[in-house]
């Protein structure tokens, strides 16, 4: 074999080996877990390569776009909006999203971040324009949910998934802030007056309840006394009915004795003046009692 033929044959083999190695190098694509690769053939979409080892046709296919599927955060966006009650507020919003279908993202929208920011601004203005200021501040979670749902419907055609929407702050202009502060102070003063009035009313009610209770107790005591007197009268009447006038005269005599005893026990009393017929009355009473015995 001629040396030239040997060198020529080796050159062909070397070229063939080089071509095979180049084809393998160009045909094998290793895609990271955090990415997806968009493959084109002659300028048209052919495939989307997922994470791992992938194969394409060398010299015909090429990786045109390498798209990260990691979650992204748009810069905080400030925008002025007007509420339904004509209050100017500045809303700070932030959006988190990730690309799920790169073939839609690269062929349907040029600047994803700008498109999402513009869409969010329009949705925020539309939603806040239907709400009063108090509702915006007290129902921020509901407002966030509405913005997220509306945004998800729009960006679905772009192969994007909205993961979170945050309203970071709602700021008021100085004039509105001062008016709200004045209103808040007035409301606090009103509540203090109401509390004081309710306290006075409660005190009056408690005092009235105490007086009513005292009156009820006095009435109850009088009723008990009246019942006792009625009972005593009934007993005396019953005794008179059963024993005649003598029992009554005897009770009267006893009462007179008790009265005379109390008079004689008074301080400085050396002489007790009695009626002339007192002894005769006592005698008649005891005589009648012995006669019955």
Foldseek 3Di string as FASTA:
>chain_A
DDPVVVVVVVVVVVVVVVVVVVQVVQFKDAAAQQKKFFKDFPRHTDDIHHHGIGTDGPPGIDGPDIFGFDKDKAPWDWDWAAALVGFIKIWTKMWIKGAQDQVLQVPPDDDVNVVLVVLLRVLLRVLRNHHDPVCCVVVVVVSQVSSQVVSQVVCVSSRMHTDGMDTPDIGGDPVVVVVVVVVVVVVVVVVVVVVVVVVVVVVVVVVVVVVVVVVVVVVVVVVVVVVVVVVVVVVVVVCCVVPNCLVVLLVVLVVVVVVQVVVCPDPPCPDDDDDPCNVVSVVVSVVVVVVVD
